[in-house]
Amino acid sequence: MSFLAFLIFGGSVGLISAYLYPKKRLKLRYLLPYGLAGAVISFFVSFFGQTLGLFTSGQILEWSSALFLTILFIACLRAFSSK
């Protein structure tokens, strides 16, 4: 995945998963940290997956693992946040 794909894919997944989490709805100003967290999470998933030899760049396993782990991490953040 390229750097632009990390920002767009991870950021949009982070925003959507934080907004649709069934807790209390977020205000728009709180969505930016979740978008950035999604981009960072998708970068780390891709980096460590390629480093460990689990997949190569551009495979569907890379995209799906970044999607799954980003949703999981954002849901955990939303579950344990106080706002």
PDB file of N, CA and C in Angstrom:
ATOM      1  N   MET A   1       0.848  -1.170   0.000  1.00  0.00           N
ATOM      2  CA  MET A   1       0.000   0.000   0.000  1.00  0.00           C
ATOM      3  C   MET A   1       0.892   1.230   0.000  1.00  0.00           C
ATOM      4  N   SER A   2       0.541   2.222  -0.739  1.00  0.00           N
ATOM      5  CA  SER A   2       1.330   3.440  -0.770  1.00  0.00           C
ATOM      6  C   SER A   2       0.910   4.376   0.360  1.00  0.00           C
ATOM      7  N   PHE A   3       1.668   5.445   0.528  1.00  0.00           N
ATOM      8  CA  PHE A   3       1.392   6.393   1.613  1.00  0.00           C
ATOM      9  C   PHE A   3       0.027   7.040   1.450  1.00  0.00           C
ATOM     10  N   LEU A   4      -0.341   7.388   0.235  1.00  0.00           N
ATOM     11  CA  LEU A   4      -1.649   7.994  -0.013  1.00  0.00           C
ATOM     12  C   LEU A   4      -2.774   7.007   0.280  1.00  0.00           C
ATOM     13  N   ALA A   5      -2.559   5.739   0.000  1.00  0.00           N
ATOM     14  CA  ALA A   5      -3.566   4.720   0.306  1.00  0.00           C
ATOM     15  C   ALA A   5      -3.734   4.555   1.808  1.00  0.00           C
ATOM     16  N   PHE A   6      -2.632   4.663   2.559  1.00  0.00           N
ATOM     17  CA  PHE A   6      -2.748   4.615   4.026  1.00  0.00           C
ATOM     18  C   PHE A   6      -3.624   5.741   4.526  1.00  0.00           C
ATOM     19  N   LEU A   7      -3.385   6.936   4.033  1.00  0.00           N
ATOM     20  CA  LEU A   7      -4.153   8.090   4.493  1.00  0.00           C
ATOM     21  C   LEU A   7      -5.623   7.989   4.117  1.00  0.00           C
ATOM     22  N   ILE A   8      -5.898   7.641   2.884  1.00  0.00           N
ATOM     23  CA  ILE A   8      -7.287   7.604   2.424  1.00  0.00           C
ATOM     24  C   ILE A   8      -8.024   6.394   3.002  1.00  0.00           C
ATOM     25  N   PHE A   9      -7.468   5.217   2.834  1.00  0.00           N
ATOM     26  CA  PHE A   9      -8.139   3.994   3.282  1.00  0.00           C
ATOM     27  C   PHE A   9      -8.232   3.942   4.802  1.00  0.00           C
ATOM     28  N   GLY A  10      -7.116   4.084   5.478  1.00  0.00           N
ATOM     29  CA  GLY A  10      -7.113   4.005   6.931  1.00  0.00           C
ATOM     30  C   GLY A  10      -7.889   5.137   7.577  1.00  0.00           C
ATOM     31  N   GLY A  11      -7.754   6.330   7.031  1.00  0.00           N
ATOM     32  CA  GLY A  11      -8.499   7.459   7.580  1.00  0.00           C
ATOM     33  C   GLY A  11      -9.995   7.309   7.418  1.00  0.00           C
ATOM     34  N   SER A  12     -10.422   6.870   6.255  1.00  0.00           N
ATOM     35  CA  SER A  12     -11.862   6.705   6.046  1.00  0.00           C
ATOM     36  C   SER A  12     -12.425   5.556   6.874  1.00  0.00           C
ATOM     37  N   VAL A  13     -11.684   4.476   7.014  1.00  0.00           N
ATOM     38  CA  VAL A  13     -12.144   3.372   7.856  1.00  0.00           C
ATOM     39  C   VAL A  13     -12.200   3.807   9.316  1.00  0.00           C
ATOM     40  N   GLY A  14     -11.207   4.563   9.766  1.00  0.00           N
ATOM     41  CA  GLY A  14     -11.221   5.069  11.125  1.00  0.00           C
ATOM     42  C   GLY A  14     -12.386   6.004  11.389  1.00  0.00           C
ATOM     43  N   LEU A  15     -12.670   6.893  10.435  1.00  0.00           N
ATOM     44  CA  LEU A  15     -13.795   7.815  10.587  1.00  0.00           C
ATOM     45  C   LEU A  15     -15.128   7.092  10.617  1.00  0.00           C
ATOM     46  N   ILE A  16     -15.309   6.183   9.691  1.00  0.00           N
ATOM     47  CA  ILE A  16     -16.586   5.471   9.591  1.00  0.00           C
ATOM     48  C   ILE A  16     -16.815   4.580  10.811  1.00  0.00           C
ATOM     49  N   SER A  17     -15.770   3.866  11.243  1.00  0.00           N
ATOM     50  CA  SER A  17     -15.954   2.980  12.391  1.00  0.00           C
ATOM     51  C   SER A  17     -16.157   3.765  13.683  1.00  0.00           C
ATOM     52  N   ALA A  18     -15.521   4.916  13.829  1.00  0.00           N
ATOM     53  CA  ALA A  18     -15.738   5.727  15.034  1.00  0.00           C
ATOM     54  C   ALA A  18     -17.122   6.363  15.021  1.00  0.00           C
ATOM     55  N   TYR A  19     -17.586   6.762  13.844  1.00  0.00           N
ATOM     56  CA  TYR A  19     -18.892   7.411  13.765  1.00  0.00           C
ATOM     57  C   TYR A  19     -20.038   6.419  13.945  1.00  0.00           C
ATOM     58  N   LEU A  20     -19.878   5.215  13.444  1.00  0.00           N
ATOM     59  CA  LEU A  20     -20.949   4.224  13.502  1.00  0.00           C
ATOM     60  C   LEU A  20     -20.921   3.366  14.758  1.00  0.00           C
ATOM     61  N   TYR A  21     -19.952   3.577  15.639  1.00  0.00           N
ATOM     62  CA  TYR A  21     -19.905   2.813  16.876  1.00  0.00           C
ATOM     63  C   TYR A  21     -21.176   3.098  17.679  1.00  0.00           C
ATOM     64  N   PRO A  22     -21.820   2.078  18.241  1.00  0.00           N
ATOM     65  CA  PRO A  22     -23.154   2.256  18.817  1.00  0.00           C
ATOM     66  C   PRO A  22     -23.203   2.989  20.160  1.00  0.00           C
ATOM     67  N   LYS A  23     -22.116   3.574  20.583  1.00  0.00           N
ATOM     68  CA  LYS A  23     -22.145   4.371  21.787  1.00  0.00           C
ATOM     69  C   LYS A  23     -22.802   5.709  21.441  1.00  0.00           C
ATOM     70  N   LYS A  24     -22.495   6.744  22.120  1.00  0.00           N
ATOM     71  CA  LYS A  24     -23.029   8.068  21.811  1.00  0.00           C
ATOM     72  C   LYS A  24     -22.339   8.614  20.563  1.00  0.00           C
ATOM     73  N   ARG A  25     -23.079   9.278  19.700  1.00  0.00           N
ATOM     74  CA  ARG A  25     -22.515   9.807  18.450  1.00  0.00           C
ATOM     75  C   ARG A  25     -21.456  10.863  18.727  1.00  0.00           C
ATOM     76  N   LEU A  26     -20.425  10.850  17.921  1.00  0.00           N
ATOM     77  CA  LEU A  26     -19.340  11.806  18.055  1.00  0.00           C
ATOM     78  C   LEU A  26     -19.673  13.122  17.362  1.00  0.00           C
ATOM     79  N   LYS A  27     -19.103  14.193  17.851  1.00  0.00           N
ATOM     80  CA  LYS A  27     -19.182  15.466  17.146  1.00  0.00           C
ATOM     81  C   LYS A  27     -18.104  15.464  16.079  1.00  0.00           C
ATOM     82  N   LEU A  28     -18.252  16.332  15.100  1.00  0.00           N
ATOM     83  CA  LEU A  28     -17.321  16.339  13.975  1.00  0.00           C
ATOM     84  C   LEU A  28     -15.896  16.675  14.389  1.00  0.00           C
ATOM     85  N   ARG A  29     -15.720  17.494  15.404  1.00  0.00           N
ATOM     86  CA  ARG A  29     -14.360  17.863  15.792  1.00  0.00           C
ATOM     87  C   ARG A  29     -13.600  16.705  16.441  1.00  0.00           C
ATOM     88  N   TYR A  30     -14.289  15.694  16.910  1.00  0.00           N
ATOM     89  CA  TYR A  30     -13.628  14.536  17.497  1.00  0.00           C
ATOM     90  C   TYR A  30     -13.297  13.461  16.468  1.00  0.00           C
ATOM     91  N   LEU A  31     -13.716  13.625  15.241  1.00  0.00           N
ATOM     92  CA  LEU A  31     -13.468  12.598  14.231  1.00  0.00           C
ATOM     93  C   LEU A  31     -12.041  12.638  13.676  1.00  0.00           C
ATOM     94  N   LEU A  32     -11.387  13.784  13.716  1.00  0.00           N
ATOM     95  CA  LEU A  32     -10.040  13.889  13.172  1.00  0.00           C
ATOM     96  C   LEU A  32      -9.038  12.955  13.866  1.00  0.00           C
ATOM     97  N   PRO A  33      -9.009  12.893  15.198  1.00  0.00           N
ATOM     98  CA  PRO A  33      -8.063  11.941  15.820  1.00  0.00           C
ATOM     99  C   PRO A  33      -8.330  10.482  15.439  1.00  0.00           C
ATOM    100  N   TYR A  34      -9.593  10.131  15.253  1.00  0.00           N
ATOM    101  CA  TYR A  34      -9.896   8.754  14.855  1.00  0.00           C
ATOM    102  C   TYR A  34      -9.489   8.498  13.401  1.00  0.00           C
ATOM    103  N   GLY A  35      -9.595   9.485  12.556  1.00  0.00           N
ATOM    104  CA  GLY A  35      -9.124   9.331  11.182  1.00  0.00           C
ATOM    105  C   GLY A  35      -7.618   9.163  11.114  1.00  0.00           C
ATOM    106  N   LEU A  36      -6.906   9.960  11.904  1.00  0.00           N
ATOM    107  CA  LEU A  36      -5.450   9.823  11.952  1.00  0.00           C
ATOM    108  C   LEU A  36      -5.037   8.490  12.570  1.00  0.00           C
ATOM    109  N   ALA A  37      -5.751   8.063  13.593  1.00  0.00           N
ATOM    110  CA  ALA A  37      -5.454   6.762  14.200  1.00  0.00           C
ATOM    111  C   ALA A  37      -5.678   5.637  13.192  1.00  0.00           C
ATOM    112  N   GLY A  38      -6.723   5.743  12.382  1.00  0.00           N
ATOM    113  CA  GLY A  38      -6.974   4.731  11.360  1.00  0.00           C
ATOM    114  C   GLY A  38      -5.865   4.667  10.326  1.00  0.00           C
ATOM    115  N   ALA A  39      -5.343   5.828   9.922  1.00  0.00           N
ATOM    116  CA  ALA A  39      -4.247   5.852   8.955  1.00  0.00           C
ATOM    117  C   ALA A  39      -2.982   5.246   9.551  1.00  0.00           C
ATOM    118  N   VAL A  40      -2.694   5.569  10.800  1.00  0.00           N
ATOM    119  CA  VAL A  40      -1.498   5.024  11.457  1.00  0.00           C
ATOM    120  C   VAL A  40      -1.629   3.518  11.663  1.00  0.00           C
ATOM    121  N   ILE A  41      -2.790   3.060  12.059  1.00  0.00           N
ATOM    122  CA  ILE A  41      -3.001   1.629  12.276  1.00  0.00           C
ATOM    123  C   ILE A  41      -2.841   0.854  10.972  1.00  0.00           C
ATOM    124  N   SER A  42      -3.420   1.366   9.888  1.00  0.00           N
ATOM    125  CA  SER A  42      -3.291   0.657   8.609  1.00  0.00           C
ATOM    126  C   SER A  42      -1.840   0.645   8.131  1.00  0.00           C
ATOM    127  N   PHE A  43      -1.084   1.699   8.425  1.00  0.00           N
ATOM    128  CA  PHE A  43       0.341   1.709   8.081  1.00  0.00           C
ATOM    129  C   PHE A  43       1.083   0.624   8.848  1.00  0.00           C
ATOM    130  N   PHE A  44       0.863   0.550  10.165  1.00  0.00           N
ATOM    131  CA  PHE A  44       1.566  -0.442  10.974  1.00  0.00           C
ATOM    132  C   PHE A  44       1.172  -1.868  10.614  1.00  0.00           C
ATOM    133  N   VAL A  45      -0.092  -2.093  10.314  1.00  0.00           N
ATOM    134  CA  VAL A  45      -0.522  -3.435   9.905  1.00  0.00           C
ATOM    135  C   VAL A  45       0.179  -3.840   8.614  1.00  0.00           C
ATOM    136  N   SER A  46       0.233  -2.935   7.663  1.00  0.00           N
ATOM    137  CA  SER A  46       0.884  -3.239   6.396  1.00  0.00           C
ATOM    138  C   SER A  46       2.391  -3.431   6.575  1.00  0.00           C
ATOM    139  N   PHE A  47       3.011  -2.564   7.345  1.00  0.00           N
ATOM    140  CA  PHE A  47       4.459  -2.640   7.543  1.00  0.00           C
ATOM    141  C   PHE A  47       4.858  -3.940   8.233  1.00  0.00           C
ATOM    142  N   PHE A  48       4.199  -4.247   9.352  1.00  0.00           N
ATOM    143  CA  PHE A  48       4.574  -5.446  10.085  1.00  0.00           C
ATOM    144  C   PHE A  48       4.151  -6.720   9.365  1.00  0.00           C
ATOM    145  N   GLY A  49       3.058  -6.688   8.631  1.00  0.00           N
ATOM    146  CA  GLY A  49       2.661  -7.858   7.859  1.00  0.00           C
ATOM    147  C   GLY A  49       3.638  -8.177   6.754  1.00  0.00           C
ATOM    148  N   GLN A  50       4.155  -7.135   6.089  1.00  0.00           N
ATOM    149  CA  GLN A  50       5.146  -7.355   5.038  1.00  0.00           C
ATOM    150  C   GLN A  50       6.495  -7.739   5.632  1.00  0.00           C
ATOM    151  N   THR A  51       6.829  -7.166   6.783  1.00  0.00           N
ATOM    152  CA  THR A  51       8.097  -7.499   7.427  1.00  0.00           C
ATOM    153  C   THR A  51       8.119  -8.951   7.897  1.00  0.00           C
ATOM    154  N   LEU A  52       7.016  -9.405   8.439  1.00  0.00           N
ATOM    155  CA  LEU A  52       6.940 -10.785   8.911  1.00  0.00           C
ATOM    156  C   LEU A  52       6.698 -11.786   7.791  1.00  0.00           C
ATOM    157  N   GLY A  53       6.448 -11.308   6.578  1.00  0.00           N
ATOM    158  CA  GLY A  53       6.260 -12.190   5.438  1.00  0.00           C
ATOM    159  C   GLY A  53       4.865 -12.779   5.336  1.00  0.00           C
ATOM    160  N   LEU A  54       3.886 -12.153   5.975  1.00  0.00           N
ATOM    161  CA  LEU A  54       2.518 -12.665   5.906  1.00  0.00           C
ATOM    162  C   LEU A  54       1.861 -12.384   4.561  1.00  0.00           C
ATOM    163  N   PHE A  55       2.213 -11.267   3.942  1.00  0.00           N
ATOM    164  CA  PHE A  55       1.671 -10.899   2.635  1.00  0.00           C
ATOM    165  C   PHE A  55       2.623  -9.930   1.964  1.00  0.00           C
ATOM    166  N   THR A  56       2.397  -9.701   0.669  1.00  0.00           N
ATOM    167  CA  THR A  56       3.166  -8.708  -0.066  1.00  0.00           C
ATOM    168  C   THR A  56       2.287  -7.490  -0.308  1.00  0.00           C
ATOM    169  N   SER A  57       2.892  -6.455  -0.824  1.00  0.00           N
ATOM    170  CA  SER A  57       2.174  -5.203  -1.029  1.00  0.00           C
ATOM    171  C   SER A  57       1.086  -5.362  -2.092  1.00  0.00           C
ATOM    172  N   GLY A  58      -0.108  -4.914  -1.760  1.00  0.00           N
ATOM    173  CA  GLY A  58      -1.206  -4.927  -2.708  1.00  0.00           C
ATOM    174  C   GLY A  58      -2.103  -6.149  -2.656  1.00  0.00           C
ATOM    175  N   GLN A  59      -1.775  -7.127  -1.855  1.00  0.00           N
ATOM    176  CA  GLN A  59      -2.629  -8.308  -1.767  1.00  0.00           C
ATOM    177  C   GLN A  59      -3.901  -7.982  -0.997  1.00  0.00           C
ATOM    178  N   ILE A  60      -4.938  -8.739  -1.252  1.00  0.00           N
ATOM    179  CA  ILE A  60      -6.217  -8.512  -0.589  1.00  0.00           C
ATOM    180  C   ILE A  60      -6.112  -8.800   0.907  1.00  0.00           C
ATOM    181  N   LEU A  61      -5.203  -9.684   1.307  1.00  0.00           N
ATOM    182  CA  LEU A  61      -4.993  -9.957   2.721  1.00  0.00           C
ATOM    183  C   LEU A  61      -4.465  -8.723   3.440  1.00  0.00           C
ATOM    184  N   GLU A  62      -3.636  -7.936   2.774  1.00  0.00           N
ATOM    185  CA  GLU A  62      -3.142  -6.695   3.373  1.00  0.00           C
ATOM    186  C   GLU A  62      -4.280  -5.721   3.617  1.00  0.00           C
ATOM    187  N   TRP A  63      -5.142  -5.551   2.630  1.00  0.00           N
ATOM    188  CA  TRP A  63      -6.270  -4.624   2.760  1.00  0.00           C
ATOM    189  C   TRP A  63      -7.267  -5.105   3.802  1.00  0.00           C
ATOM    190  N   SER A  64      -7.571  -6.384   3.788  1.00  0.00           N
ATOM    191  CA  SER A  64      -8.567  -6.892   4.733  1.00  0.00           C
ATOM    192  C   SER A  64      -8.047  -6.897   6.160  1.00  0.00           C
ATOM    193  N   SER A  65      -6.779  -7.195   6.352  1.00  0.00           N
ATOM    194  CA  SER A  65      -6.234  -7.151   7.707  1.00  0.00           C
ATOM    195  C   SER A  65      -6.148  -5.724   8.218  1.00  0.00           C
ATOM    196  N   ALA A  66      -5.816  -4.779   7.355  1.00  0.00           N
ATOM    197  CA  ALA A  66      -5.816  -3.370   7.758  1.00  0.00           C
ATOM    198  C   ALA A  66      -7.230  -2.912   8.102  1.00  0.00           C
ATOM    199  N   LEU A  67      -8.204  -3.346   7.338  1.00  0.00           N
ATOM    200  CA  LEU A  67      -9.600  -2.997   7.604  1.00  0.00           C
ATOM    201  C   LEU A  67     -10.061  -3.578   8.937  1.00  0.00           C
ATOM    202  N   PHE A  68      -9.834  -4.856   9.148  1.00  0.00           N
ATOM    203  CA  PHE A  68     -10.290  -5.527  10.362  1.00  0.00           C
ATOM    204  C   PHE A  68      -9.630  -4.957  11.613  1.00  0.00           C
ATOM    205  N   LEU A  69      -8.316  -4.805  11.594  1.00  0.00           N
ATOM    206  CA  LEU A  69      -7.620  -4.323  12.782  1.00  0.00           C
ATOM    207  C   LEU A  69      -7.899  -2.852  13.060  1.00  0.00           C
ATOM    208  N   THR A  70      -8.126  -2.061  12.029  1.00  0.00           N
ATOM    209  CA  THR A  70      -8.494  -0.664  12.246  1.00  0.00           C
ATOM    210  C   THR A  70      -9.855  -0.563  12.902  1.00  0.00           C
ATOM    211  N   ILE A  71     -10.814  -1.326  12.420  1.00  0.00           N
ATOM    212  CA  ILE A  71     -12.149  -1.319  13.029  1.00  0.00           C
ATOM    213  C   ILE A  71     -12.080  -1.816  14.469  1.00  0.00           C
ATOM    214  N   LEU A  72     -11.313  -2.864  14.717  1.00  0.00           N
ATOM    215  CA  LEU A  72     -11.181  -3.404  16.064  1.00  0.00           C
ATOM    216  C   LEU A  72     -10.542  -2.396  17.019  1.00  0.00           C
ATOM    217  N   PHE A  73      -9.477  -1.747  16.586  1.00  0.00           N
ATOM    218  CA  PHE A  73      -8.779  -0.801  17.446  1.00  0.00           C
ATOM    219  C   PHE A  73      -9.623   0.445  17.714  1.00  0.00           C
ATOM    220  N   ILE A  74     -10.309   0.958  16.704  1.00  0.00           N
ATOM    221  CA  ILE A  74     -11.159   2.147  16.895  1.00  0.00           C
ATOM    222  C   ILE A  74     -12.344   1.803  17.801  1.00  0.00           C
ATOM    223  N   ALA A  75     -12.889   0.621  17.663  1.00  0.00           N
ATOM    224  CA  ALA A  75     -13.983   0.207  18.557  1.00  0.00           C
ATOM    225  C   ALA A  75     -13.501   0.111  20.000  1.00  0.00           C
ATOM    226  N   CYS A  76     -12.275  -0.392  20.190  1.00  0.00           N
ATOM    227  CA  CYS A  76     -11.729  -0.435  21.552  1.00  0.00           C
ATOM    228  C   CYS A  76     -11.474   0.965  22.087  1.00  0.00           C
ATOM    229  N   LEU A  77     -10.997   1.861  21.251  1.00  0.00           N
ATOM    230  CA  LEU A  77     -10.813   3.244  21.694  1.00  0.00           C
ATOM    231  C   LEU A  77     -12.134   3.894  22.093  1.00  0.00           C
ATOM    232  N   ARG A  78     -13.155   3.666  21.283  1.00  0.00           N
ATOM    233  CA  ARG A  78     -14.464   4.244  21.575  1.00  0.00           C
ATOM    234  C   ARG A  78     -15.084   3.619  22.814  1.00  0.00           C
ATOM    235  N   ALA A  79     -14.844   2.348  23.047  1.00  0.00           N
ATOM    236  CA  ALA A  79     -15.414   1.674  24.206  1.00  0.00           C
ATOM    237  C   ALA A  79     -14.799   2.173  25.501  1.00  0.00           C
ATOM    238  N   PHE A  80     -13.514   2.470  25.476  1.00  0.00           N
ATOM    239  CA  PHE A  80     -12.845   2.885  26.692  1.00  0.00           C
ATOM    240  C   PHE A  80     -12.679   4.392  26.840  1.00  0.00           C
ATOM    241  N   SER A  81     -13.165   5.158  25.856  1.00  0.00           N
ATOM    242  CA  SER A  81     -13.064   6.620  25.983  1.00  0.00           C
ATOM    243  C   SER A  81     -14.144   7.143  26.926  1.00  0.00           C
ATOM    244  N   SER A  82     -13.851   8.273  27.519  1.00  0.00           N
ATOM    245  CA  SER A  82     -14.789   8.822  28.507  1.00  0.00           C
ATOM    246  C   SER A  82     -15.797   9.760  27.885  1.00  0.00           C
ATOM    247  N   LYS A  83     -15.606  10.172  26.635  1.00  0.00           N
ATOM    248  CA  LYS A  83     -16.516  11.132  26.005  1.00  0.00           C
ATOM    249  C   LYS A  83     -17.597  10.425  25.240  1.00  0.00           C
TER     250      LYS A  83
END
